[in-house]
Protein backbone atom coordinates (compact mmCIF):
# COMPACT_ATOMS: atom_id res chain seq x y z
CA MET A 1 -12.51 26.36 -118.26
CA GLY A 2 -8.48 26.42 -118.68
CA LEU A 3 -6.26 25.49 -115.90
CA LEU A 4 -5.45 29.06 -114.88
CA GLU A 5 -8.97 29.83 -114.19
CA LYS A 6 -9.64 26.57 -112.46
CA MET A 7 -6.83 27.41 -110.18
CA LEU A 8 -8.22 31.09 -109.86
CA SER A 9 -11.43 29.79 -109.17
CA LEU A 10 -10.08 27.34 -106.30
CA LEU A 11 -8.05 30.32 -104.92
CA ALA A 12 -11.01 32.43 -104.77
CA ALA A 13 -12.86 30.11 -103.05
CA GLY A 14 -10.20 29.73 -100.20
CA THR A 15 -10.08 25.92 -100.80
CA MET A 16 -7.14 24.29 -99.28
CA VAL A 17 -7.87 20.83 -101.19
CA LEU A 18 -6.77 20.37 -104.48
CA SER A 19 -7.74 17.24 -106.58
CA GLY A 20 -6.08 15.02 -109.54
CA ALA A 21 -3.22 16.90 -111.77
CA LEU A 22 -3.99 20.38 -109.59
CA ASP A 23 -2.65 18.80 -106.43
CA GLU A 24 1.03 18.82 -108.45
CA ALA A 25 0.64 22.80 -108.53
CA ALA A 26 -0.07 22.85 -104.54
CA PRO A 27 2.20 20.01 -102.93
CA GLN A 28 2.31 22.19 -99.73
CA HIS A 29 -1.37 21.12 -98.97
CA ASN A 30 -0.35 17.16 -99.40
CA ALA A 31 0.23 16.08 -95.72
CA ASP A 32 1.74 12.45 -96.78
CA GLY A 33 4.11 14.29 -99.66
CA THR A 34 7.46 15.41 -98.98
CA LEU A 35 7.05 18.76 -99.93
CA PHE A 36 4.28 19.56 -97.39
CA LEU A 37 4.40 22.91 -95.96
CA LEU A 38 3.93 22.51 -91.82
CA ASN A 39 4.27 25.91 -90.23
CA ARG A 40 2.01 28.16 -87.87
CA GLU A 41 -0.34 28.82 -90.91
CA TYR A 42 -0.35 25.20 -92.58
CA ARG A 43 -1.15 22.77 -89.88
CA VAL A 44 -2.03 19.18 -89.33
CA SER A 45 -4.73 17.90 -86.84
CA ASP A 46 -4.19 15.85 -83.69
CA ALA A 47 -5.00 12.65 -85.28
CA TYR A 48 -2.43 12.97 -88.03
CA GLN A 49 0.36 10.52 -88.26
CA PRO A 50 2.19 9.06 -90.81
CA GLU A 51 1.22 5.32 -91.71
CA ASP A 52 4.44 3.51 -92.23
CA LEU A 53 7.09 4.96 -89.95
CA VAL A 54 10.15 2.91 -89.11
CA LEU A 55 13.13 2.84 -86.78
CA THR A 56 15.93 4.54 -88.25
CA ASP A 57 19.30 2.42 -87.81
CA VAL A 58 21.29 5.33 -86.59
CA LEU A 59 22.90 6.44 -83.32
CA GLY A 60 20.41 7.69 -80.94
CA ARG A 61 17.43 6.49 -78.16
CA GLU A 62 15.23 4.00 -79.69
CA ARG A 63 11.99 6.18 -78.83
CA ILE A 64 12.82 9.21 -80.94
CA ARG A 65 14.46 7.51 -84.10
CA GLU A 66 11.17 6.70 -85.85
CA LEU A 67 10.85 8.58 -89.67
CA ARG A 68 9.17 7.48 -92.55
CA PRO A 69 10.87 4.84 -94.33
CA GLU A 70 12.15 6.94 -97.45
CA ALA A 71 13.61 9.61 -94.68
CA ALA A 72 14.94 7.09 -92.46
CA ALA A 73 17.25 5.47 -95.34
CA ALA A 74 18.24 8.81 -96.35
CA LEU A 75 19.40 9.57 -92.77
CA GLU A 76 21.24 6.22 -92.45
CA GLU A 77 23.36 6.90 -95.65
CA MET A 78 23.71 10.55 -94.41
CA PHE A 79 25.29 9.45 -90.99
CA ALA A 80 27.44 6.47 -92.75
CA ALA A 81 28.64 9.16 -95.17
CA CYS A 82 29.87 11.19 -92.28
CA LYS A 83 31.54 8.74 -90.60
CA ALA A 84 33.24 7.46 -93.69
CA GLU A 85 34.37 11.00 -94.74
CA ILE A 86 35.36 12.78 -91.79
CA GLY A 87 35.61 10.26 -89.22
CA VAL A 88 32.85 11.66 -86.87
CA ASP A 89 29.56 9.87 -85.08
CA LEU A 90 26.57 11.89 -85.64
CA ILE A 91 23.58 11.07 -83.32
CA ALA A 92 19.90 11.32 -83.74
CA VAL A 93 18.32 13.78 -80.93
CA SER A 94 14.73 13.82 -81.89
CA GLY A 95 12.72 12.34 -84.86
CA PHE A 96 8.67 11.73 -85.36
CA ARG A 97 6.99 13.38 -82.22
CA ASP A 98 2.94 13.00 -82.33
CA TYR A 99 0.63 15.90 -81.61
CA ALA A 100 0.49 14.74 -77.84
CA LYS A 101 4.20 14.91 -77.10
CA GLN A 102 4.54 18.38 -79.24
CA SER A 103 1.49 19.30 -76.81
CA ARG A 104 3.66 18.68 -73.80
CA LEU A 105 6.67 20.80 -74.87
CA TRP A 106 4.74 23.65 -76.31
CA GLN A 107 3.06 23.91 -72.51
CA GLU A 108 6.78 23.44 -70.72
CA LYS A 109 8.15 26.13 -72.83
CA LEU A 110 5.14 28.31 -72.43
CA LYS A 111 5.67 28.14 -68.65
CA SER A 112 9.51 28.70 -68.97
CA VAL A 113 8.61 32.37 -70.61
CA GLY A 114 5.86 33.26 -68.55
CA ARG A 115 3.40 32.09 -71.01
CA ASN A 116 4.35 34.43 -73.66
CA VAL A 117 2.67 32.83 -76.53
CA GLU A 118 4.99 34.82 -78.92
CA LYS A 119 7.96 34.45 -77.15
CA ALA A 120 7.41 30.38 -76.87
CA GLN A 121 6.74 30.41 -80.71
CA GLU A 122 10.56 31.49 -81.46
CA TYR A 123 11.55 28.35 -80.13
CA VAL A 124 8.88 25.80 -79.94
CA ALA A 125 6.25 24.98 -82.45
CA PRO A 126 2.79 24.69 -81.55
CA PRO A 127 1.13 21.44 -81.44
CA GLY A 128 0.05 20.65 -85.09
CA ALA A 129 2.61 22.93 -86.23
CA SER A 130 5.64 21.02 -85.77
CA GLU A 131 7.93 19.23 -88.94
CA HIS A 132 8.51 16.36 -86.50
CA GLN A 133 4.85 15.43 -86.49
CA LEU A 134 5.24 14.71 -90.66
CA GLY A 135 8.08 11.65 -89.82
CA LEU A 136 10.18 13.83 -92.20
CA ALA A 137 12.27 15.89 -89.81
CA MET A 138 15.07 14.80 -87.46
CA ASP A 139 17.17 17.09 -84.81
CA ILE A 140 20.65 15.70 -85.36
CA GLY A 141 23.84 16.25 -83.08
CA GLN A 142 27.34 15.24 -82.69
CA ARG A 143 28.21 12.26 -80.69
CA GLY A 144 29.77 13.19 -77.51
CA LYS A 145 29.06 17.31 -78.15
CA ALA A 146 26.55 19.93 -77.18
CA GLN A 147 22.72 18.71 -78.51
CA LEU A 148 20.19 21.07 -79.98
CA SER A 149 22.40 24.24 -79.78
CA SER A 150 23.62 26.57 -81.74
CA ASN A 151 26.86 25.44 -80.96
CA PHE A 152 26.29 22.34 -83.18
CA ILE A 153 27.45 24.30 -86.25
CA LYS A 154 30.67 24.60 -84.79
CA THR A 155 31.09 21.14 -84.65
CA GLU A 156 32.66 19.07 -87.15
CA GLY A 157 29.56 17.21 -87.67
CA GLY A 158 27.60 20.10 -87.82
CA LYS A 159 29.48 21.68 -90.79
CA TRP A 160 29.49 18.45 -92.70
CA ALA A 161 26.13 18.02 -92.32
CA THR A 162 25.08 21.83 -93.14
CA GLU A 163 27.10 21.30 -96.20
CA ASN A 164 26.21 17.90 -97.54
CA CYS A 165 22.72 17.14 -96.11
CA TRP A 166 21.48 17.91 -99.83
CA ARG A 167 23.20 14.67 -101.01
CA PHE A 168 20.85 12.68 -99.31
CA GLY A 169 17.73 14.60 -99.67
CA PHE A 170 17.85 16.76 -96.33
CA ILE A 171 17.51 20.62 -96.19
CA LEU A 172 18.54 22.61 -93.36
CA ARG A 173 15.17 24.03 -92.26
CA TYR A 174 15.54 27.02 -90.20
CA ASN A 175 18.78 28.93 -91.36
CA GLU A 176 20.36 32.02 -89.62
CA GLY A 177 18.59 35.34 -91.28
CA TRP A 178 15.68 33.62 -92.11
CA GLU A 179 13.54 33.98 -89.03
CA SER A 180 11.44 36.61 -90.30
CA VAL A 181 10.13 34.03 -92.93
CA THR A 182 9.98 30.72 -90.89
CA GLY A 183 9.02 32.31 -87.76
CA TYR A 184 12.11 30.22 -85.81
CA LYS A 185 14.94 31.12 -84.21
CA TYR A 186 18.27 29.39 -86.15
CA GLU A 187 18.18 25.77 -85.60
CA PRO A 188 21.40 24.49 -87.15
CA TRP A 189 20.14 20.95 -85.91
CA HIS A 190 16.82 20.54 -87.80
CA PHE A 191 16.94 18.50 -90.86
CA ARG A 192 14.09 18.09 -92.89
CA TYR A 193 13.61 15.37 -95.68
CA VAL A 194 12.17 16.52 -99.09
CA GLY A 195 13.61 13.91 -101.46
CA ARG A 196 16.99 13.85 -103.36
CA GLU A 197 15.58 14.93 -106.61
CA LEU A 198 14.97 18.85 -105.02
CA ALA A 199 17.09 19.01 -102.15
CA LYS A 200 20.33 20.12 -103.98
CA GLU A 201 17.79 22.94 -105.62
CA ILE A 202 16.67 24.36 -102.46
CA HIS A 203 20.15 24.13 -100.92
CA ASP A 204 21.54 25.97 -103.81
CA ALA A 205 18.82 28.37 -103.58
CA ASN A 206 19.83 29.46 -100.32
CA VAL A 207 16.47 30.69 -99.37
CA PRO A 208 13.66 29.44 -96.87
CA PHE A 209 11.19 26.30 -97.97
CA GLU A 210 8.38 28.61 -97.80
CA THR A 211 10.39 31.34 -100.67
CA TRP A 212 11.53 28.42 -102.51
CA LEU A 213 7.96 26.58 -102.86
CA ILE A 214 6.52 29.76 -104.45
CA GLY A 215 8.90 29.38 -107.28
CA TYR A 216 8.24 25.81 -107.55
CA ARG A 217 4.40 26.19 -108.03
CA VAL A 218 5.07 28.82 -110.51
CA ARG A 219 7.54 26.39 -112.70
CA VAL A 220 4.81 23.65 -112.02
CA LEU A 221 1.62 25.58 -112.99
CA GLN A 222 3.83 26.93 -116.15
CA GLU A 223 4.30 23.32 -117.19
CA MET A 224 0.42 22.59 -116.66
CA MET A 225 -0.61 25.62 -118.77
CA LYS A 226 1.65 24.65 -121.56
CA GLU A 227 -0.09 21.28 -121.45
CA ASP A 228 -3.60 22.29 -121.20
CA GLY A 229 -3.42 24.74 -123.94
CA PRO A 230 -4.81 28.41 -124.59
């Protein structure tokens, strides 16, 4: 059976678990990978937690500065570059959050909007659907300025981070105008680590991560089919 037939067979069976070389064609299903797609459709369990979280050495309260090592190192470089280039201190507002903490935030938001699930989902991810649980996302603010607000993009730090995050392997995950795809309101403070190799490509494409992943998978499949032969 050729590669294409294998893929079609797996998709037809509705499986979400691919193994071996086929994992390359579906990175959005690998929770430990930097391209894992986490949203209201693709979630992780209440037991999921990255194995090797570290405390990022940046400004911010200690308990909210945890990230995976590669994301933490990249964030430190990003904050240092912002300070060196424009003299502005960025601050870590919220990094890794486990399922339990996300559940508490979700319940608080539900209560504040009269138990309207659809409304709550515009602002807070349900438990298991937050990128923060992956240890790859950081909410960023500018020191001394409003945080977790759309006003962040009006600050020097917010503008710099949006324009330069790709240099360090991050993307702005929930941009303005992408709500129909991502499902979330504009969040100029939420940055997601995807690795330096692909961050610039995603940034330049100027499309939601979900949309970019489709094109990426097509390219990978095409390359694999060439290697697999007719």
